[in-house]
Amino acid sequence: MHNLSTVVKFEVIRTLKKKSFWLAALALPVIAGVIGVIIYFSNKTTNDVGQQLSSERYSLGVTDDSKLLSADILRSVNAQIITSPSEGQQAVKEGRLDAYFHYPADMKNQPVEVYGKEVGLFKNNRYEGLAQQLLNQSVMLTTSPNIQAVIQNSVNYTSVTYKDGQVDKGFLKLIAPGIFLVLFYFMLVTFGGQMLTSIIEEKENRVIEMILTTIRPTTLLVGKLFSLVILAFIQLIVILVPIITGYFALKNQLSLPNFDLASIPLDPLSITLGATIFIMSFLMYTGILMTIGAAMPTAKEANSFFGAAMAFTFGPLYAVALFISSPESPLVQVLSYFPLTSPIPLLLRNAIGNLTLQEALVGITLLALTTAFAIRIGVRIFKYGALEYSRRLSAKEIFGKR
């Protein structure tokens, strides 16, 4: 293993020099930035149009059989009082009025009738908006501020729950340990392809013979594993730094949610378990994908197995509700302990808080054993199949050779 640092250094520098690495790393923040700009201009345009519509004045007639409308409010919009609905409807048809509203006596069972001059698909909505606004403002004048708050659904509620005599932080406590679940998903989706093809490159370039004359297969494979982990974290930093910077710079302009980082509780045990599960899960899948790459003669054939590996990883997401409501159910236990499906159940249950320390330790141990087994098998496949350019090794050849 004395060439391990040489392999790691060579792989990291070689990958960092590739344009494809930086294009893949920068594509996501660029796309996020473009989407943010689109959202900003869409919201701004919609607000500008809404303000323009609200300030527009047009001739209006009203028949109020409900007796709920305020005369002062009707005067403020220069509304004409029309005696019958048929008269108001005819006035709009003949162009003498731009709009006419009929408020029936029984509004529980009869709709408010709105008639208006056609001004375009989007602008036609201004008539119903004004009819509703006139009614709401008139009714609000006859009620107390408390009743107005109930009607407008603007009553605020505050809830406090306790756990072991301390105030429970609710969903805020999920954020710190839940970050590792997001990181695992993120890194596997963005870096999975490179894990798969890292071994195949040398096989397809036919330079593997020269490499193996100076470096042992185990050293080469483990070195590639470490270099992939380093590159994955570099790519993660490259992606997250622009996104985080953009969030704090543009959160007000884009109306993004405001997070108070100081209010997020930090549980050392759940954060430690989340970090350990994340690292072991990432190493395990890196080892498995590298093993698949070592076993396949071409990248095209290796990619056919990539989908199966991802199905094992993300399939448990369909049982998210079960992880929350019934963590003791047999299905949840199987998914939590079976190494190929366990990363997401373990990370999710650790964030929620229903993963016991014993379950976490068993899961981490199984992940570590599977990682070691995958790397061991990968080394054997690489050792005996590195020079097989046109076929895959059989199971008998992999496990039978000594």
Protein backbone atom coordinates (compact mmCIF):
# COMPACT_ATOMS: atom_id res chain seq x y z
CA MET A 1 0.00 0.00 0.00
CA HIS A 2 3.05 2.31 -0.18
CA ASN A 3 1.76 3.78 -3.48
CA LEU A 4 -1.66 4.60 -2.01
CA SER A 5 -1.00 8.33 -1.62
CA THR A 6 0.39 8.46 -5.17
CA VAL A 7 -2.78 6.87 -6.55
CA VAL A 8 -5.05 9.19 -4.55
CA LYS A 9 -3.09 12.30 -5.57
CA PHE A 10 -2.99 11.25 -9.23
CA GLU A 11 -6.73 10.47 -9.38
CA VAL A 12 -7.79 13.68 -7.63
CA ILE A 13 -5.58 15.96 -9.75
CA ARG A 14 -6.46 14.17 -12.98
CA THR A 15 -10.19 14.51 -12.31
CA LEU A 16 -9.93 18.14 -11.22
CA LYS A 17 -8.28 18.92 -14.58
CA LYS A 18 -11.27 17.53 -16.49
CA LYS A 19 -13.77 20.05 -17.83
CA SER A 20 -16.59 17.52 -17.36
CA PHE A 21 -16.03 17.51 -13.58
CA TRP A 22 -16.44 21.29 -13.30
CA LEU A 23 -19.32 21.36 -15.78
CA ALA A 24 -21.18 18.75 -13.71
CA ALA A 25 -20.37 20.56 -10.45
CA LEU A 26 -21.35 24.03 -11.68
CA ALA A 27 -24.38 22.97 -13.71
CA LEU A 28 -26.64 22.61 -10.67
CA PRO A 29 -25.94 26.05 -9.10
CA VAL A 30 -26.25 27.64 -12.55
CA ILE A 31 -29.61 25.92 -13.11
CA ALA A 32 -30.72 26.92 -9.60
CA GLY A 33 -29.68 30.51 -10.34
CA VAL A 34 -31.60 30.56 -13.63
CA ILE A 35 -34.70 29.16 -11.92
CA GLY A 36 -34.34 31.80 -9.19
CA VAL A 37 -34.15 34.59 -11.77
CA ILE A 38 -37.24 33.20 -13.54
CA ILE A 39 -39.14 33.05 -10.22
CA TYR A 40 -38.08 36.60 -9.36
CA PHE A 41 -39.22 38.12 -12.66
CA SER A 42 -42.40 36.02 -12.66
CA ASN A 43 -43.35 37.24 -9.16
CA LYS A 44 -42.42 40.82 -10.01
CA THR A 45 -44.44 40.82 -13.23
CA THR A 46 -47.46 39.25 -11.50
CA ASN A 47 -47.32 41.82 -8.68
CA ASP A 48 -47.00 44.70 -11.15
CA VAL A 49 -49.97 43.45 -13.16
CA GLY A 50 -52.01 42.93 -9.97
CA GLN A 51 -51.28 46.48 -8.80
CA GLN A 52 -52.16 47.83 -12.22
CA LEU A 53 -55.48 45.96 -12.23
CA SER A 54 -56.36 47.08 -8.70
CA SER A 55 -55.81 50.73 -9.64
CA GLU A 56 -57.90 50.56 -12.81
CA ARG A 57 -61.29 52.28 -12.71
CA TYR A 58 -64.32 51.25 -14.76
CA SER A 59 -68.04 51.91 -14.75
CA LEU A 60 -69.93 49.59 -12.40
CA GLY A 61 -73.56 48.83 -11.56
CA VAL A 62 -74.74 46.93 -8.47
CA THR A 63 -78.00 45.37 -7.31
CA ASP A 64 -77.83 44.50 -3.62
CA ASP A 65 -80.70 42.21 -2.55
CA SER A 66 -78.58 40.88 0.33
CA LYS A 67 -78.57 44.25 2.12
CA LEU A 68 -74.99 43.54 3.19
CA LEU A 69 -73.12 46.05 1.05
CA SER A 70 -72.05 49.36 2.54
CA ALA A 71 -73.30 52.47 0.74
CA ASP A 72 -70.03 54.28 1.55
CA ILE A 73 -67.95 51.53 -0.03
CA LEU A 74 -70.15 51.49 -3.14
CA ARG A 75 -69.77 55.27 -3.44
CA SER A 76 -65.99 54.95 -3.14
CA VAL A 77 -65.94 52.95 -6.42
CA ASN A 78 -68.62 55.13 -8.09
CA ALA A 79 -71.03 52.20 -8.36
CA GLN A 80 -74.48 52.87 -9.78
CA ILE A 81 -77.45 51.28 -8.00
CA ILE A 82 -79.41 49.16 -10.49
CA THR A 83 -82.96 48.10 -9.59
CA SER A 84 -83.08 44.72 -11.36
CA PRO A 85 -80.56 42.13 -12.59
CA SER A 86 -82.01 42.14 -16.10
CA GLU A 87 -81.44 45.89 -16.37
CA GLY A 88 -77.83 45.59 -15.24
CA GLN A 89 -77.13 42.68 -17.57
CA GLN A 90 -78.63 44.61 -20.50
CA ALA A 91 -76.48 47.68 -19.66
CA VAL A 92 -73.32 45.59 -19.93
CA LYS A 93 -74.48 44.00 -23.20
CA GLU A 94 -75.10 47.46 -24.73
CA GLY A 95 -71.78 48.82 -23.44
CA ARG A 96 -73.31 51.41 -21.08
CA LEU A 97 -71.55 49.73 -18.12
CA ASP A 98 -68.23 47.91 -17.96
CA ALA A 99 -69.43 45.61 -15.17
CA TYR A 100 -72.51 44.69 -13.18
CA PHE A 101 -72.81 42.71 -9.92
CA HIS A 102 -75.99 41.15 -8.49
CA TYR A 103 -75.83 40.11 -4.83
CA PRO A 104 -78.84 37.81 -4.17
CA ALA A 105 -80.84 37.81 -0.93
CA ASP A 106 -79.93 34.17 -0.21
CA MET A 107 -76.19 34.04 -0.86
CA LYS A 108 -75.87 30.68 0.89
CA ASN A 109 -77.78 28.96 -1.92
CA GLN A 110 -77.49 31.42 -4.81
CA PRO A 111 -74.30 32.71 -6.46
CA VAL A 112 -73.30 36.32 -6.86
CA GLU A 113 -73.81 37.12 -10.53
CA VAL A 114 -70.98 38.99 -12.24
CA TYR A 115 -71.27 40.43 -15.74
CA GLY A 116 -68.52 42.36 -17.47
CA LYS A 117 -67.04 43.63 -20.70
CA GLU A 118 -64.49 41.21 -22.17
CA VAL A 119 -60.99 42.62 -21.61
CA GLY A 120 -58.81 39.51 -22.05
CA LEU A 121 -58.51 36.13 -20.40
CA PHE A 122 -56.34 37.34 -17.52
CA LYS A 123 -58.00 40.71 -16.92
CA ASN A 124 -61.53 39.25 -16.87
CA ASN A 125 -60.76 37.99 -13.36
CA ARG A 126 -60.78 41.56 -12.07
CA TYR A 127 -64.61 41.60 -11.98
CA GLU A 128 -64.98 38.66 -9.57
CA GLY A 129 -62.11 40.02 -7.49
CA LEU A 130 -63.81 43.39 -7.08
CA ALA A 131 -67.21 41.78 -6.36
CA GLN A 132 -65.65 39.72 -3.58
CA GLN A 133 -63.67 42.69 -2.25
CA LEU A 134 -66.78 44.89 -2.01
CA LEU A 135 -68.68 42.18 -0.13
CA ASN A 136 -65.81 41.36 2.27
CA GLN A 137 -65.12 45.00 3.12
CA SER A 138 -68.81 45.68 3.72
CA VAL A 139 -69.24 42.68 6.02
CA MET A 140 -66.06 43.54 7.94
CA LEU A 141 -67.51 46.93 8.85
CA THR A 142 -70.32 45.22 10.78
CA THR A 143 -68.14 42.83 12.79
CA SER A 144 -65.64 43.15 15.65
CA PRO A 145 -61.86 42.89 15.01
CA ASN A 146 -61.82 39.41 16.60
CA ILE A 147 -64.55 38.11 14.32
CA GLN A 148 -62.77 39.75 11.36
CA ALA A 149 -59.58 37.84 12.26
CA VAL A 150 -61.52 34.54 12.35
CA ILE A 151 -63.26 35.25 9.04
CA GLN A 152 -59.97 36.24 7.40
CA ASN A 153 -58.25 33.15 8.83
CA SER A 154 -55.57 35.43 10.28
CA VAL A 155 -55.67 34.09 13.86
CA ASN A 156 -52.20 33.02 15.00
CA TYR A 157 -51.60 29.92 17.15
CA THR A 158 -48.57 29.04 19.27
CA SER A 159 -47.99 25.47 20.50
CA VAL A 160 -45.52 24.27 23.11
CA THR A 161 -44.84 20.58 23.77
CA TYR A 162 -42.57 19.09 26.41
CA LYS A 163 -40.25 16.09 26.43
CA ASP A 164 -38.58 15.03 29.68
CA GLY A 165 -39.53 18.38 31.20
CA GLN A 166 -37.87 20.38 28.43
CA VAL A 167 -39.50 22.29 25.61
CA ASP A 168 -39.54 20.12 22.50
CA LYS A 169 -38.23 21.86 19.37
CA GLY A 170 -40.56 19.98 17.02
CA PHE A 171 -39.51 19.89 13.38
CA LEU A 172 -36.48 22.09 14.07
CA LYS A 173 -34.74 19.15 15.74
CA LEU A 174 -34.93 17.19 12.45
CA ILE A 175 -32.82 19.69 10.52
CA ALA A 176 -29.30 18.98 11.85
CA PRO A 177 -29.40 15.14 11.61
CA GLY A 178 -31.59 15.31 8.48
CA ILE A 179 -28.85 17.15 6.58
CA PHE A 180 -26.95 13.86 6.25
CA LEU A 181 -29.92 12.26 4.47
CA VAL A 182 -29.99 15.12 1.98
CA LEU A 183 -26.20 14.93 1.52
CA PHE A 184 -26.31 11.18 0.85
CA TYR A 185 -29.05 11.52 -1.74
CA PHE A 186 -27.36 14.52 -3.32
CA MET A 187 -23.87 13.01 -3.59
CA LEU A 188 -25.06 9.66 -4.88
CA VAL A 189 -27.20 11.25 -7.60
CA THR A 190 -24.51 13.73 -8.70
CA PHE A 191 -21.46 11.50 -8.33
CA GLY A 192 -22.78 7.95 -8.84
CA GLY A 193 -21.88 7.85 -12.52
CA GLN A 194 -18.25 8.75 -11.86
CA MET A 195 -17.99 6.05 -9.19
CA LEU A 196 -19.22 3.52 -11.70
CA THR A 197 -16.86 4.48 -14.51
CA SER A 198 -13.72 5.27 -12.51
CA ILE A 199 -12.33 1.76 -13.03
CA ILE A 200 -13.61 1.22 -16.55
CA GLU A 201 -11.70 4.20 -17.93
CA GLU A 202 -8.34 2.43 -17.62
CA LYS A 203 -9.78 -0.80 -19.01
CA GLU A 204 -11.27 0.91 -22.04
CA ASN A 205 -8.10 2.95 -22.59
CA ARG A 206 -6.06 -0.27 -22.45
CA VAL A 207 -3.53 1.28 -20.06
CA ILE A 208 -4.36 -1.02 -17.17
CA GLU A 209 -1.50 -3.41 -18.04
CA MET A 210 1.11 -0.68 -17.55
CA ILE A 211 -0.50 0.51 -14.29
CA LEU A 212 -0.57 -2.98 -12.78
CA THR A 213 3.14 -3.49 -13.45
CA THR A 214 3.95 -0.92 -10.74
CA ILE A 215 0.87 -0.82 -8.48
CA ARG A 216 -0.90 -3.70 -6.78
CA PRO A 217 -4.64 -4.10 -7.60
CA THR A 218 -5.63 -3.60 -3.95
CA THR A 219 -3.66 -0.35 -3.71
CA LEU A 220 -5.13 0.92 -6.97
CA LEU A 221 -8.73 0.11 -6.00
CA VAL A 222 -8.49 1.51 -2.45
CA GLY A 223 -6.70 4.59 -3.78
CA LYS A 224 -9.50 5.18 -6.27
CA LEU A 225 -12.02 4.74 -3.47
CA PHE A 226 -10.38 7.42 -1.32
CA SER A 227 -9.94 9.76 -4.30
CA LEU A 228 -13.63 9.42 -5.19
CA VAL A 229 -14.63 10.33 -1.63
CA ILE A 230 -12.35 13.41 -1.76
CA LEU A 231 -13.68 14.44 -5.19
CA ALA A 232 -17.28 13.95 -4.07
CA PHE A 233 -16.78 16.34 -1.15
CA ILE A 234 -15.01 18.85 -3.43
CA GLN A 235 -17.93 18.68 -5.85
CA LEU A 236 -20.37 19.07 -2.97
CA ILE A 237 -18.60 22.23 -1.79
CA VAL A 238 -18.50 23.62 -5.33
CA ILE A 239 -22.25 23.07 -5.67
CA LEU A 240 -23.36 24.26 -2.23
CA VAL A 241 -21.26 27.41 -1.80
CA PRO A 242 -22.91 29.33 -4.71
CA ILE A 243 -26.39 28.10 -3.67
CA ILE A 244 -25.94 29.14 -0.02
CA THR A 245 -24.39 32.47 -1.05
CA GLY A 246 -27.24 33.10 -3.45
CA TYR A 247 -29.81 32.25 -0.77
CA PHE A 248 -28.50 34.81 1.70
CA ALA A 249 -28.00 37.42 -1.05
CA LEU A 250 -31.40 37.03 -2.75
CA LYS A 251 -33.77 35.54 -0.16
CA ASN A 252 -35.72 38.80 0.18
CA GLN A 253 -35.98 39.44 -3.56
CA LEU A 254 -37.14 35.86 -4.24
CA SER A 255 -39.40 35.67 -1.14
CA LEU A 256 -37.51 32.60 0.09
CA PRO A 257 -38.23 31.22 3.61
CA ASN A 258 -36.17 32.84 6.35
CA PHE A 259 -34.31 30.41 8.65
CA ASP A 260 -32.93 31.40 12.03
CA LEU A 261 -29.89 29.13 12.27
CA ALA A 262 -29.49 29.91 15.97
CA SER A 263 -32.86 28.29 16.73
CA ILE A 264 -31.86 24.88 15.29
CA PRO A 265 -31.18 22.46 18.16
CA LEU A 266 -27.97 20.42 17.98
CA ASP A 267 -28.13 16.93 19.50
CA PRO A 268 -24.53 15.58 19.59
CA LEU A 269 -25.64 11.92 19.63
CA SER A 270 -28.05 12.10 16.67
CA ILE A 271 -25.59 14.23 14.68
CA THR A 272 -22.75 11.77 15.36
CA LEU A 273 -24.91 8.80 14.38
CA GLY A 274 -26.13 10.60 11.26
CA ALA A 275 -22.57 11.47 10.20
CA THR A 276 -21.36 7.89 10.81
CA ILE A 277 -24.26 6.32 8.91
CA PHE A 278 -23.75 8.79 6.06
CA ILE A 279 -20.00 8.07 5.77
CA MET A 280 -20.43 4.28 5.96
CA SER A 281 -23.33 4.35 3.47
CA PHE A 282 -21.37 6.47 1.02
CA LEU A 283 -18.31 4.23 1.31
CA MET A 284 -20.45 1.13 0.84
CA TYR A 285 -22.10 2.40 -2.33
CA THR A 286 -18.81 3.73 -3.65
CA GLY A 287 -17.31 0.26 -3.13
CA ILE A 288 -20.29 -1.47 -4.73
CA LEU A 289 -20.33 0.81 -7.78
CA MET A 290 -16.57 0.44 -8.21
CA THR A 291 -16.95 -3.33 -7.97
CA ILE A 292 -19.62 -3.24 -10.68
CA GLY A 293 -17.28 -1.12 -12.78
CA ALA A 294 -14.42 -3.57 -12.24
CA ALA A 295 -16.59 -6.51 -13.28
CA MET A 296 -17.91 -4.97 -16.52
CA PRO A 297 -15.80 -4.81 -19.70
CA THR A 298 -17.37 -1.53 -20.90
CA ALA A 299 -19.07 1.52 -19.41
CA LYS A 300 -22.21 0.76 -21.44
CA GLU A 301 -22.65 -2.62 -19.75
CA ALA A 302 -21.85 -1.16 -16.32
CA ASN A 303 -24.55 1.50 -16.68
CA SER A 304 -27.19 -1.22 -17.01
CA PHE A 305 -26.47 -2.23 -13.39
CA PHE A 306 -26.48 1.37 -12.12
CA GLY A 307 -30.28 1.56 -12.21
CA ALA A 308 -30.59 -1.59 -10.10
CA ALA A 309 -28.22 -0.20 -7.48
CA MET A 310 -30.20 3.06 -7.33
CA ALA A 311 -33.48 1.12 -7.02
CA PHE A 312 -32.18 -0.54 -3.84
CA THR A 313 -31.05 2.84 -2.51
CA PHE A 314 -34.09 4.96 -3.15
CA GLY A 315 -36.83 2.28 -3.17
CA PRO A 316 -37.36 2.65 0.63
CA LEU A 317 -38.53 6.25 0.06
CA TYR A 318 -41.91 4.76 -0.86
CA ALA A 319 -42.26 3.60 2.76
CA VAL A 320 -41.51 6.99 4.33
CA ALA A 321 -44.89 7.13 6.07
CA LEU A 322 -44.23 3.70 7.61
CA PHE A 323 -40.82 4.81 8.95
CA ILE A 324 -42.56 7.63 10.81
CA SER A 325 -45.72 5.91 12.05
CA SER A 326 -44.61 2.28 12.63
CA PRO A 327 -40.82 2.00 13.10
CA GLU A 328 -41.24 -1.35 14.86
CA SER A 329 -43.01 -3.02 11.89
CA PRO A 330 -41.19 -5.99 10.27
CA LEU A 331 -40.88 -4.21 6.90
CA VAL A 332 -39.17 -1.19 8.48
CA GLN A 333 -36.84 -3.44 10.45
CA VAL A 334 -35.86 -5.42 7.33
CA LEU A 335 -35.27 -2.27 5.29
CA SER A 336 -33.26 -0.76 8.16
CA TYR A 337 -30.92 -3.74 8.54
CA PHE A 338 -30.54 -4.96 4.94
CA PRO A 339 -27.35 -3.09 3.92
CA LEU A 340 -28.36 -2.17 0.36
CA THR A 341 -31.62 -0.55 1.53
CA SER A 342 -30.57 0.59 4.99
CA PRO A 343 -28.94 4.02 4.33
CA ILE A 344 -32.16 5.98 3.81
CA PRO A 345 -34.20 4.21 6.56
CA LEU A 346 -31.37 4.63 9.08
CA LEU A 347 -30.72 8.29 8.19
CA LEU A 348 -34.43 9.15 8.10
CA ARG A 349 -35.29 7.38 11.36
CA ASN A 350 -32.26 8.96 13.05
CA ALA A 351 -33.50 12.41 11.98
CA ILE A 352 -37.04 11.68 13.16
CA GLY A 353 -35.78 10.33 16.47
CA ASN A 354 -37.23 6.79 16.49
CA LEU A 355 -33.90 5.01 15.79
CA THR A 356 -32.53 3.55 19.02
CA LEU A 357 -28.80 3.56 19.74
CA GLN A 358 -28.73 -0.26 19.57
CA GLU A 359 -30.43 -0.27 16.16
CA ALA A 360 -28.03 2.40 14.92
CA LEU A 361 -24.95 0.47 16.03
CA VAL A 362 -26.21 -2.75 14.43
CA GLY A 363 -26.97 -0.90 11.19
CA ILE A 364 -23.57 0.82 11.13
CA THR A 365 -21.81 -2.51 11.78
CA LEU A 366 -23.67 -4.17 8.90
CA LEU A 367 -22.80 -1.24 6.61
CA ALA A 368 -19.11 -1.49 7.58
CA LEU A 369 -19.04 -5.27 6.97
CA THR A 370 -20.77 -4.86 3.61
CA THR A 371 -18.32 -2.11 2.63
CA ALA A 372 -15.36 -4.32 3.48
CA PHE A 373 -16.93 -7.26 1.61
CA ALA A 374 -17.67 -5.13 -1.47
CA ILE A 375 -14.11 -3.79 -1.58
CA ARG A 376 -12.72 -7.31 -1.07
CA ILE A 377 -14.80 -8.68 -3.94
CA GLY A 378 -13.94 -5.64 -6.05
CA VAL A 379 -10.23 -6.30 -5.53
CA ARG A 380 -10.60 -9.95 -6.61
CA ILE A 381 -12.63 -8.98 -9.66
CA PHE A 382 -10.16 -6.28 -10.56
CA LYS A 383 -7.21 -8.58 -9.96
CA TYR A 384 -8.47 -11.39 -12.17
CA GLY A 385 -10.60 -9.41 -14.64
CA ALA A 386 -8.57 -6.27 -15.26
CA LEU A 387 -7.26 -7.62 -18.52
CA GLU A 388 -10.63 -9.00 -19.68
CA TYR A 389 -11.62 -6.40 -22.26
CA SER A 390 -14.43 -8.25 -24.00
CA ARG A 391 -16.22 -10.40 -21.38
CA ARG A 392 -17.36 -10.51 -17.78
CA LEU A 393 -15.88 -12.87 -15.23
CA SER A 394 -18.18 -15.63 -14.03
CA ALA A 395 -18.93 -16.15 -10.32
CA LYS A 396 -16.89 -19.38 -10.48
CA GLU A 397 -13.87 -17.47 -11.78
CA ILE A 398 -14.22 -14.73 -9.16
CA PHE A 399 -14.65 -16.94 -6.09
CA GLY A 400 -12.85 -20.05 -7.30
CA LYS A 401 -9.44 -18.57 -8.08
CA ARG A 402 -6.78 -18.38 -5.36
